[in-house]
N, C-alpha and C. Protein backbone atom coordinates (compact mmCIF):
# COMPACT_ATOMS: atom_id res chain seq x y z
N UNK A 1 122.15 35.94 113.94
CA UNK A 1 120.81 36.42 113.67
C UNK A 1 120.53 36.30 112.18
N UNK A 2 119.36 35.81 111.85
CA UNK A 2 118.97 35.60 110.46
C UNK A 2 118.57 36.92 109.82
N UNK A 3 119.02 37.13 108.57
CA UNK A 3 118.65 38.34 107.84
C UNK A 3 117.17 38.30 107.48
N UNK A 4 116.45 39.41 107.69
CA UNK A 4 115.05 39.43 107.31
C UNK A 4 114.92 39.41 105.79
N UNK A 5 113.88 38.76 105.29
CA UNK A 5 113.61 38.69 103.86
C UNK A 5 112.90 39.98 103.45
N UNK A 6 113.40 40.60 102.36
CA UNK A 6 112.84 41.89 101.93
C UNK A 6 111.41 41.73 101.42
N UNK A 7 111.13 40.63 100.75
CA UNK A 7 109.77 40.39 100.24
C UNK A 7 109.43 38.92 100.39
N UNK A 8 108.14 38.65 100.49
CA UNK A 8 107.71 37.26 100.58
C UNK A 8 107.68 36.66 99.17
N UNK A 9 107.51 35.35 99.12
CA UNK A 9 107.46 34.67 97.82
C UNK A 9 106.25 35.14 97.01
N UNK A 10 105.12 35.36 97.67
CA UNK A 10 103.93 35.80 96.92
C UNK A 10 104.10 37.23 96.41
N UNK A 11 104.74 38.09 97.21
CA UNK A 11 105.00 39.45 96.74
C UNK A 11 105.95 39.42 95.56
N UNK A 12 106.96 38.56 95.62
CA UNK A 12 107.91 38.41 94.52
C UNK A 12 107.22 37.92 93.26
N UNK A 13 106.29 36.96 93.41
CA UNK A 13 105.55 36.45 92.25
C UNK A 13 104.68 37.53 91.63
N UNK A 14 104.04 38.33 92.47
CA UNK A 14 103.20 39.43 91.95
C UNK A 14 104.07 40.47 91.23
N UNK A 15 105.20 40.77 91.80
CA UNK A 15 106.11 41.74 91.17
C UNK A 15 106.60 41.21 89.82
N UNK A 16 106.92 39.92 89.76
CA UNK A 16 107.38 39.32 88.52
C UNK A 16 106.28 39.35 87.47
N UNK A 17 105.05 39.04 87.87
CA UNK A 17 103.91 39.07 86.95
C UNK A 17 103.69 40.49 86.42
N UNK A 18 103.77 41.49 87.30
CA UNK A 18 103.64 42.88 86.87
C UNK A 18 104.73 43.26 85.89
N UNK A 19 105.95 42.82 86.16
CA UNK A 19 107.07 43.14 85.26
C UNK A 19 106.85 42.51 83.90
N UNK A 20 106.45 41.24 83.86
CA UNK A 20 106.22 40.58 82.57
C UNK A 20 105.06 41.23 81.82
N UNK A 21 104.02 41.61 82.53
CA UNK A 21 102.89 42.28 81.89
C UNK A 21 103.32 43.63 81.32
N UNK A 22 104.10 44.37 82.07
CA UNK A 22 104.61 45.66 81.60
C UNK A 22 105.47 45.47 80.36
N UNK A 23 106.34 44.48 80.38
CA UNK A 23 107.20 44.21 79.22
C UNK A 23 106.34 43.85 78.01
N UNK A 24 105.32 43.03 78.20
CA UNK A 24 104.45 42.65 77.09
C UNK A 24 103.74 43.87 76.51
N UNK A 25 103.26 44.74 77.37
CA UNK A 25 102.58 45.96 76.90
C UNK A 25 103.55 46.84 76.12
N UNK A 26 104.76 47.00 76.62
CA UNK A 26 105.75 47.82 75.93
C UNK A 26 106.10 47.22 74.56
N UNK A 27 106.24 45.89 74.49
CA UNK A 27 106.56 45.25 73.22
C UNK A 27 105.42 45.43 72.23
N UNK A 28 104.18 45.27 72.68
CA UNK A 28 103.03 45.47 71.80
C UNK A 28 102.97 46.93 71.32
N UNK A 29 103.14 47.87 72.21
CA UNK A 29 103.12 49.29 71.82
C UNK A 29 104.26 49.62 70.87
N UNK A 30 105.44 49.05 71.12
CA UNK A 30 106.57 49.27 70.21
C UNK A 30 106.28 48.70 68.83
N UNK A 31 105.67 47.52 68.79
CA UNK A 31 105.30 46.92 67.51
C UNK A 31 104.29 47.78 66.75
N UNK A 32 103.31 48.28 67.46
CA UNK A 32 102.32 49.18 66.83
C UNK A 32 102.98 50.46 66.32
N UNK A 33 103.85 51.03 67.12
CA UNK A 33 104.55 52.25 66.71
C UNK A 33 105.40 52.00 65.47
N UNK A 34 106.10 50.87 65.46
CA UNK A 34 106.93 50.53 64.30
C UNK A 34 106.08 50.35 63.06
N UNK A 35 104.93 49.72 63.22
CA UNK A 35 104.04 49.44 62.09
C UNK A 35 103.36 50.72 61.58
N UNK A 36 102.87 51.55 62.51
CA UNK A 36 102.12 52.75 62.13
C UNK A 36 103.01 53.95 61.79
N UNK A 37 104.19 54.05 62.40
CA UNK A 37 105.12 55.15 62.18
C UNK A 37 104.45 56.53 62.24
N UNK A 38 103.82 56.88 63.38
CA UNK A 38 103.22 58.21 63.48
C UNK A 38 104.29 59.30 63.43
N UNK A 39 103.93 60.49 63.00
CA UNK A 39 104.90 61.57 62.83
C UNK A 39 105.57 61.99 64.14
N UNK A 40 104.91 61.83 65.26
CA UNK A 40 105.45 62.25 66.55
C UNK A 40 106.40 61.23 67.16
N UNK A 41 106.49 60.04 66.57
CA UNK A 41 107.23 58.94 67.18
C UNK A 41 108.72 59.25 67.35
N UNK A 42 109.36 59.80 66.33
CA UNK A 42 110.81 60.03 66.38
C UNK A 42 111.20 60.95 67.53
N UNK A 43 110.46 62.04 67.71
CA UNK A 43 110.74 62.97 68.81
C UNK A 43 110.61 62.32 70.17
N UNK A 44 109.57 61.52 70.35
CA UNK A 44 109.37 60.86 71.64
C UNK A 44 110.40 59.76 71.87
N UNK A 45 110.84 59.13 70.79
CA UNK A 45 111.89 58.13 70.96
C UNK A 45 113.21 58.80 71.36
N UNK A 46 113.48 59.98 70.85
CA UNK A 46 114.68 60.71 71.28
C UNK A 46 114.59 61.03 72.77
N UNK A 47 113.42 61.45 73.23
CA UNK A 47 113.23 61.73 74.66
C UNK A 47 113.50 60.46 75.48
N UNK A 48 112.90 59.35 75.06
CA UNK A 48 113.09 58.08 75.76
C UNK A 48 114.56 57.68 75.76
N UNK A 49 115.22 57.87 74.63
CA UNK A 49 116.64 57.52 74.53
C UNK A 49 117.49 58.35 75.50
N UNK A 50 117.26 59.65 75.55
CA UNK A 50 118.04 60.52 76.44
C UNK A 50 117.79 60.15 77.90
N UNK A 51 116.55 59.89 78.27
CA UNK A 51 116.23 59.51 79.65
C UNK A 51 116.91 58.18 80.00
N UNK A 52 116.86 57.22 79.09
CA UNK A 52 117.50 55.92 79.34
C UNK A 52 119.01 56.06 79.46
N UNK A 53 119.61 56.86 78.58
CA UNK A 53 121.06 57.05 78.64
C UNK A 53 121.47 57.72 79.95
N UNK A 54 120.72 58.74 80.36
CA UNK A 54 121.04 59.40 81.64
C UNK A 54 120.95 58.40 82.79
N UNK A 55 119.90 57.60 82.80
CA UNK A 55 119.75 56.60 83.86
C UNK A 55 120.89 55.60 83.86
N UNK A 56 121.28 55.16 82.68
CA UNK A 56 122.37 54.20 82.55
C UNK A 56 123.68 54.82 83.02
N UNK A 57 123.93 56.06 82.60
CA UNK A 57 125.17 56.72 82.98
C UNK A 57 125.25 56.94 84.49
N UNK A 58 124.13 57.26 85.11
CA UNK A 58 124.13 57.41 86.57
C UNK A 58 124.64 56.12 87.21
N UNK A 59 124.15 54.99 86.74
CA UNK A 59 124.61 53.71 87.27
C UNK A 59 126.07 53.45 86.99
N UNK A 60 126.52 53.79 85.78
CA UNK A 60 127.92 53.57 85.42
C UNK A 60 128.87 54.45 86.24
N UNK A 61 128.37 55.61 86.69
CA UNK A 61 129.17 56.48 87.55
C UNK A 61 129.10 56.04 89.02
N UNK A 62 127.91 55.61 89.46
CA UNK A 62 127.70 55.33 90.88
C UNK A 62 128.24 53.96 91.30
N UNK A 63 128.11 52.96 90.45
CA UNK A 63 128.53 51.62 90.86
C UNK A 63 130.03 51.55 91.18
N UNK A 64 130.92 52.10 90.36
CA UNK A 64 132.33 52.07 90.78
C UNK A 64 132.58 52.82 92.09
N UNK A 65 131.80 53.88 92.34
CA UNK A 65 131.93 54.61 93.60
C UNK A 65 131.52 53.72 94.77
N UNK A 66 130.46 52.93 94.59
CA UNK A 66 130.09 51.95 95.62
C UNK A 66 131.22 50.94 95.82
N UNK A 67 131.85 50.54 94.73
CA UNK A 67 132.96 49.58 94.83
C UNK A 67 134.13 50.17 95.61
N UNK A 68 134.37 51.47 95.49
CA UNK A 68 135.43 52.12 96.25
C UNK A 68 135.19 51.89 97.75
N UNK A 69 133.97 52.16 98.19
CA UNK A 69 133.65 51.99 99.60
C UNK A 69 133.59 50.52 99.99
N UNK A 70 133.06 49.69 99.07
CA UNK A 70 132.95 48.27 99.36
C UNK A 70 134.35 47.64 99.51
N UNK A 71 135.30 48.08 98.68
CA UNK A 71 136.67 47.54 98.75
C UNK A 71 137.31 47.83 100.10
N UNK A 72 136.91 48.94 100.71
CA UNK A 72 137.47 49.29 102.02
C UNK A 72 136.70 48.67 103.18
N UNK A 73 135.53 48.11 102.91
CA UNK A 73 134.71 47.51 103.98
C UNK A 73 135.25 46.13 104.35
N UNK A 74 135.05 45.78 105.60
CA UNK A 74 135.47 44.45 106.07
C UNK A 74 134.62 43.39 105.39
N UNK A 75 135.26 42.42 104.76
CA UNK A 75 134.55 41.35 104.06
C UNK A 75 133.65 40.59 105.02
N UNK A 76 132.40 40.43 104.65
CA UNK A 76 131.43 39.70 105.46
C UNK A 76 130.76 40.53 106.54
N UNK A 77 131.22 41.75 106.73
CA UNK A 77 130.61 42.62 107.75
C UNK A 77 129.30 43.22 107.27
N UNK A 78 128.62 43.89 108.17
CA UNK A 78 127.33 44.50 107.84
C UNK A 78 127.43 45.50 106.69
N UNK A 79 128.42 46.42 106.70
CA UNK A 79 128.52 47.35 105.56
C UNK A 79 128.72 46.61 104.23
N UNK A 80 129.55 45.57 104.21
CA UNK A 80 129.79 44.81 102.98
C UNK A 80 128.50 44.16 102.48
N UNK A 81 127.72 43.60 103.38
CA UNK A 81 126.44 42.99 102.98
C UNK A 81 125.49 44.04 102.42
N UNK A 82 125.48 45.22 103.02
CA UNK A 82 124.64 46.31 102.53
C UNK A 82 125.08 46.74 101.14
N UNK A 83 126.39 46.86 100.93
CA UNK A 83 126.90 47.23 99.60
C UNK A 83 126.50 46.20 98.55
N UNK A 84 126.54 44.92 98.90
CA UNK A 84 126.16 43.86 97.95
C UNK A 84 124.72 44.06 97.50
N UNK A 85 123.83 44.32 98.44
CA UNK A 85 122.42 44.53 98.10
C UNK A 85 122.28 45.77 97.22
N UNK A 86 122.93 46.86 97.60
CA UNK A 86 122.84 48.11 96.82
C UNK A 86 123.36 47.89 95.39
N UNK A 87 124.49 47.21 95.26
CA UNK A 87 125.09 46.98 93.95
C UNK A 87 124.19 46.13 93.08
N UNK A 88 123.66 45.04 93.64
CA UNK A 88 122.81 44.15 92.86
C UNK A 88 121.53 44.84 92.42
N UNK A 89 120.92 45.61 93.29
CA UNK A 89 119.69 46.32 92.92
C UNK A 89 119.96 47.40 91.88
N UNK A 90 121.06 48.11 92.02
CA UNK A 90 121.43 49.13 91.04
C UNK A 90 121.57 48.50 89.65
N UNK A 91 122.23 47.38 89.58
CA UNK A 91 122.44 46.71 88.30
C UNK A 91 121.12 46.20 87.73
N UNK A 92 120.37 45.47 88.53
CA UNK A 92 119.16 44.80 88.03
C UNK A 92 118.00 45.75 87.79
N UNK A 93 117.84 46.75 88.64
CA UNK A 93 116.64 47.60 88.56
C UNK A 93 116.85 48.83 87.70
N UNK A 94 118.07 49.36 87.67
CA UNK A 94 118.32 50.60 86.93
C UNK A 94 119.21 50.37 85.72
N UNK A 95 120.40 49.83 85.94
CA UNK A 95 121.40 49.80 84.88
C UNK A 95 121.03 48.86 83.73
N UNK A 96 120.66 47.63 84.02
CA UNK A 96 120.34 46.70 82.93
C UNK A 96 119.16 47.18 82.08
N UNK A 97 118.03 47.56 82.68
CA UNK A 97 116.94 48.05 81.83
C UNK A 97 117.31 49.32 81.06
N UNK A 98 118.02 50.23 81.71
CA UNK A 98 118.38 51.48 81.03
C UNK A 98 119.33 51.21 79.87
N UNK A 99 120.26 50.28 80.04
CA UNK A 99 121.17 49.95 78.95
C UNK A 99 120.40 49.33 77.78
N UNK A 100 119.48 48.44 78.08
CA UNK A 100 118.71 47.79 77.01
C UNK A 100 117.86 48.80 76.24
N UNK A 101 117.19 49.68 76.97
CA UNK A 101 116.38 50.71 76.31
C UNK A 101 117.26 51.64 75.49
N UNK A 102 118.43 52.02 76.04
CA UNK A 102 119.36 52.89 75.31
C UNK A 102 119.76 52.25 73.98
N UNK A 103 120.11 50.98 74.00
CA UNK A 103 120.52 50.29 72.79
C UNK A 103 119.38 50.15 71.79
N UNK A 104 118.25 49.64 72.24
CA UNK A 104 117.13 49.38 71.32
C UNK A 104 116.64 50.67 70.69
N UNK A 105 116.38 51.67 71.51
CA UNK A 105 115.86 52.93 70.98
C UNK A 105 116.95 53.65 70.17
N UNK A 106 118.19 53.60 70.64
CA UNK A 106 119.29 54.25 69.92
C UNK A 106 119.48 53.65 68.54
N UNK A 107 119.42 52.32 68.43
CA UNK A 107 119.56 51.69 67.12
C UNK A 107 118.38 52.04 66.21
N UNK A 108 117.20 52.12 66.79
CA UNK A 108 116.02 52.51 66.00
C UNK A 108 116.21 53.93 65.47
N UNK A 109 116.66 54.84 66.33
CA UNK A 109 116.89 56.23 65.90
C UNK A 109 117.97 56.30 64.84
N UNK A 110 119.04 55.52 65.01
CA UNK A 110 120.13 55.51 64.02
C UNK A 110 119.64 55.02 62.66
N UNK A 111 118.80 54.01 62.69
CA UNK A 111 118.26 53.45 61.44
C UNK A 111 117.25 54.42 60.81
N UNK A 112 116.28 54.86 61.61
CA UNK A 112 115.20 55.68 61.08
C UNK A 112 115.66 57.09 60.73
N UNK A 113 116.55 57.66 61.51
CA UNK A 113 116.96 59.04 61.28
C UNK A 113 118.15 59.20 60.36
N UNK A 114 119.04 58.20 60.34
CA UNK A 114 120.30 58.37 59.61
C UNK A 114 120.63 57.21 58.69
N UNK A 115 119.83 56.15 58.72
CA UNK A 115 120.11 54.98 57.90
C UNK A 115 121.48 54.39 58.20
N UNK A 116 121.92 54.54 59.41
CA UNK A 116 123.24 54.06 59.87
C UNK A 116 124.37 54.66 59.05
N UNK A 117 124.15 55.84 58.47
CA UNK A 117 125.18 56.49 57.65
C UNK A 117 125.91 57.55 58.47
N UNK A 118 127.19 57.67 58.26
CA UNK A 118 127.98 58.70 58.91
C UNK A 118 129.03 58.11 59.83
N UNK A 119 130.27 58.54 59.64
CA UNK A 119 131.37 58.07 60.48
C UNK A 119 131.11 58.46 61.94
N UNK A 120 130.59 59.67 62.16
CA UNK A 120 130.32 60.14 63.52
C UNK A 120 129.40 59.15 64.24
N UNK A 121 128.40 58.61 63.52
CA UNK A 121 127.44 57.68 64.13
C UNK A 121 128.13 56.39 64.54
N UNK A 122 129.03 55.90 63.69
CA UNK A 122 129.74 54.66 64.01
C UNK A 122 130.73 54.85 65.15
N UNK A 123 131.33 56.03 65.23
CA UNK A 123 132.21 56.32 66.37
C UNK A 123 131.38 56.37 67.65
N UNK A 124 130.20 56.97 67.56
CA UNK A 124 129.30 57.01 68.73
C UNK A 124 128.89 55.60 69.13
N UNK A 125 128.51 54.78 68.17
CA UNK A 125 128.13 53.40 68.46
C UNK A 125 129.29 52.65 69.10
N UNK A 126 130.52 52.91 68.62
CA UNK A 126 131.70 52.27 69.23
C UNK A 126 131.88 52.72 70.68
N UNK A 127 131.64 54.00 70.96
CA UNK A 127 131.72 54.50 72.34
C UNK A 127 130.67 53.83 73.21
N UNK A 128 129.47 53.65 72.68
CA UNK A 128 128.40 52.99 73.44
C UNK A 128 128.73 51.50 73.63
N UNK A 129 129.35 50.90 72.64
CA UNK A 129 129.81 49.51 72.81
C UNK A 129 130.84 49.44 73.93
N UNK A 130 131.73 50.45 74.01
CA UNK A 130 132.70 50.52 75.10
C UNK A 130 132.02 50.65 76.45
N UNK A 131 130.97 51.47 76.51
CA UNK A 131 130.20 51.60 77.76
C UNK A 131 129.55 50.27 78.13
N UNK A 132 129.11 49.54 77.13
CA UNK A 132 128.48 48.23 77.38
C UNK A 132 129.51 47.24 77.93
N UNK A 133 130.70 47.24 77.37
CA UNK A 133 131.77 46.37 77.87
C UNK A 133 132.09 46.73 79.33
N UNK A 134 132.15 48.03 79.61
CA UNK A 134 132.41 48.47 80.99
C UNK A 134 131.26 48.03 81.91
N UNK A 135 130.03 48.12 81.44
CA UNK A 135 128.85 47.68 82.19
C UNK A 135 129.00 46.19 82.55
N UNK A 136 129.37 45.37 81.58
CA UNK A 136 129.55 43.94 81.83
C UNK A 136 130.68 43.71 82.83
N UNK A 137 131.77 44.45 82.68
CA UNK A 137 132.88 44.37 83.63
C UNK A 137 132.40 44.68 85.05
N UNK A 138 131.60 45.75 85.20
CA UNK A 138 131.08 46.12 86.52
C UNK A 138 130.14 45.05 87.06
N UNK A 139 129.30 44.49 86.21
CA UNK A 139 128.37 43.45 86.65
C UNK A 139 129.12 42.22 87.17
N UNK A 140 130.17 41.86 86.47
CA UNK A 140 130.99 40.72 86.91
C UNK A 140 131.73 41.06 88.21
N UNK A 141 132.18 42.30 88.32
CA UNK A 141 132.86 42.71 89.56
C UNK A 141 131.89 42.66 90.74
N UNK A 142 130.64 43.06 90.52
CA UNK A 142 129.64 43.01 91.59
C UNK A 142 129.42 41.56 92.01
N UNK A 143 129.39 40.66 91.05
CA UNK A 143 129.22 39.25 91.37
C UNK A 143 130.41 38.76 92.20
N UNK A 144 131.63 39.18 91.82
CA UNK A 144 132.81 38.79 92.60
C UNK A 144 132.77 39.38 94.01
N UNK A 145 132.33 40.65 94.12
CA UNK A 145 132.20 41.25 95.44
C UNK A 145 131.24 40.43 96.30
N UNK A 146 130.12 39.98 95.70
CA UNK A 146 129.13 39.22 96.47
C UNK A 146 129.68 37.88 96.94
N UNK A 147 130.70 37.38 96.24
CA UNK A 147 131.34 36.12 96.64
C UNK A 147 132.57 36.35 97.51
N UNK A 148 132.86 37.64 97.82
CA UNK A 148 134.03 37.97 98.63
C UNK A 148 135.33 37.86 97.87
N UNK A 149 135.28 38.03 96.53
CA UNK A 149 136.47 37.83 95.69
C UNK A 149 136.86 39.09 94.93
N UNK A 150 136.75 40.25 95.52
CA UNK A 150 137.15 41.49 94.85
C UNK A 150 138.62 41.43 94.48
N UNK A 151 138.95 41.89 93.27
CA UNK A 151 140.33 41.83 92.78
C UNK A 151 141.00 43.20 92.70
N UNK A 152 140.29 44.27 92.99
CA UNK A 152 140.85 45.61 92.83
C UNK A 152 140.81 46.39 94.14
N UNK A 153 141.73 47.33 94.27
CA UNK A 153 141.78 48.18 95.46
C UNK A 153 140.80 49.35 95.27
N UNK A 154 140.54 50.05 96.34
CA UNK A 154 139.68 51.24 96.28
C UNK A 154 140.27 52.27 95.31
N UNK A 155 141.58 52.41 95.33
CA UNK A 155 142.23 53.36 94.41
C UNK A 155 142.02 52.95 92.95
N UNK A 156 142.12 51.68 92.65
CA UNK A 156 141.90 51.20 91.28
C UNK A 156 140.46 51.44 90.84
N UNK A 157 139.52 51.27 91.79
CA UNK A 157 138.11 51.53 91.45
C UNK A 157 137.89 53.02 91.19
N UNK A 158 138.59 53.88 91.93
CA UNK A 158 138.51 55.32 91.66
C UNK A 158 138.97 55.64 90.25
N UNK A 159 140.05 55.02 89.82
CA UNK A 159 140.57 55.25 88.48
C UNK A 159 139.62 54.67 87.42
N UNK A 160 139.06 53.50 87.69
CA UNK A 160 138.13 52.88 86.75
C UNK A 160 136.89 53.75 86.56
N UNK A 161 136.57 54.54 87.56
CA UNK A 161 135.40 55.41 87.50
C UNK A 161 135.51 56.46 86.40
N UNK A 162 136.72 56.69 85.87
CA UNK A 162 136.91 57.68 84.80
C UNK A 162 136.57 57.12 83.42
N UNK A 163 136.55 55.82 83.27
CA UNK A 163 136.30 55.21 81.96
C UNK A 163 134.97 55.63 81.35
N UNK A 164 133.85 55.55 82.09
CA UNK A 164 132.59 55.96 81.46
C UNK A 164 132.55 57.45 81.13
N UNK A 165 133.28 58.25 81.89
CA UNK A 165 133.30 59.69 81.61
C UNK A 165 133.91 59.96 80.24
N UNK A 166 135.03 59.34 79.96
CA UNK A 166 135.71 59.54 78.68
C UNK A 166 134.83 59.04 77.52
N UNK A 167 134.25 57.87 77.67
CA UNK A 167 133.40 57.33 76.60
C UNK A 167 132.14 58.18 76.40
N UNK A 168 131.57 58.67 77.49
CA UNK A 168 130.39 59.53 77.38
C UNK A 168 130.73 60.82 76.64
N UNK A 169 131.86 61.44 76.98
CA UNK A 169 132.26 62.68 76.31
C UNK A 169 132.44 62.43 74.81
N UNK A 170 133.06 61.32 74.45
CA UNK A 170 133.24 60.98 73.04
C UNK A 170 131.88 60.84 72.34
N UNK A 171 130.94 60.14 72.96
CA UNK A 171 129.62 59.96 72.35
C UNK A 171 128.90 61.29 72.19
N UNK A 172 128.97 62.15 73.19
CA UNK A 172 128.30 63.44 73.12
C UNK A 172 128.91 64.31 72.02
N UNK A 173 130.23 64.30 71.90
CA UNK A 173 130.87 65.07 70.82
C UNK A 173 130.38 64.57 69.46
N UNK A 174 130.29 63.28 69.30
CA UNK A 174 129.84 62.71 68.02
C UNK A 174 128.42 63.15 67.69
N UNK A 175 127.54 63.15 68.68
CA UNK A 175 126.14 63.48 68.45
C UNK A 175 125.95 64.97 68.19
N UNK A 176 126.62 65.80 68.94
CA UNK A 176 126.37 67.24 68.85
C UNK A 176 127.22 67.91 67.77
N UNK A 177 128.50 67.61 67.74
CA UNK A 177 129.41 68.26 66.79
C UNK A 177 129.40 67.54 65.43
N UNK A 178 129.23 66.22 65.45
CA UNK A 178 129.28 65.40 64.23
C UNK A 178 130.54 65.73 63.40
N UNK A 179 131.73 65.52 64.00
CA UNK A 179 132.96 65.98 63.35
C UNK A 179 133.28 65.32 62.02
N UNK A 180 132.74 64.16 61.76
CA UNK A 180 133.06 63.45 60.53
C UNK A 180 131.90 63.45 59.53
N UNK A 181 130.97 64.37 59.73
CA UNK A 181 129.78 64.40 58.87
C UNK A 181 130.10 64.95 57.50
């Protein structure tokens, strides 16, 4: 039986056009904000940064959990196909945009608020770089899962699920405690 297509080509084209238009609007607004530097901008950027980081972290926690179940699913079976769709959508719709917003806004805040000064800030940036490396690792693992080439057991994926927790705790300590300030 043939799998039903989630969207038609015309719906996909409309969605792509909406996405590009939204991106263009955001880039224009960001350029205006950078140029005008209104007094309220920094506070709202912090809000945007926290929301993006939370969204990204949700994906970094949930995707390895999906891999745990996917590793136990029969390759090529209905559950495995469902996991592939879930994993790909999680990465493309939530994790990638949230990571990009976290980085762009976070770097802006680091520059505007701290001038990139402070050991605590660089340790935090290193922790976020570690989260980014883990994100790339997960994205590649999802691609391997989609090809039926998973290399890790469910138990290994459970253990890998702890990596973002440790890096997140380090970043939060740096931001709140600022131990090297």
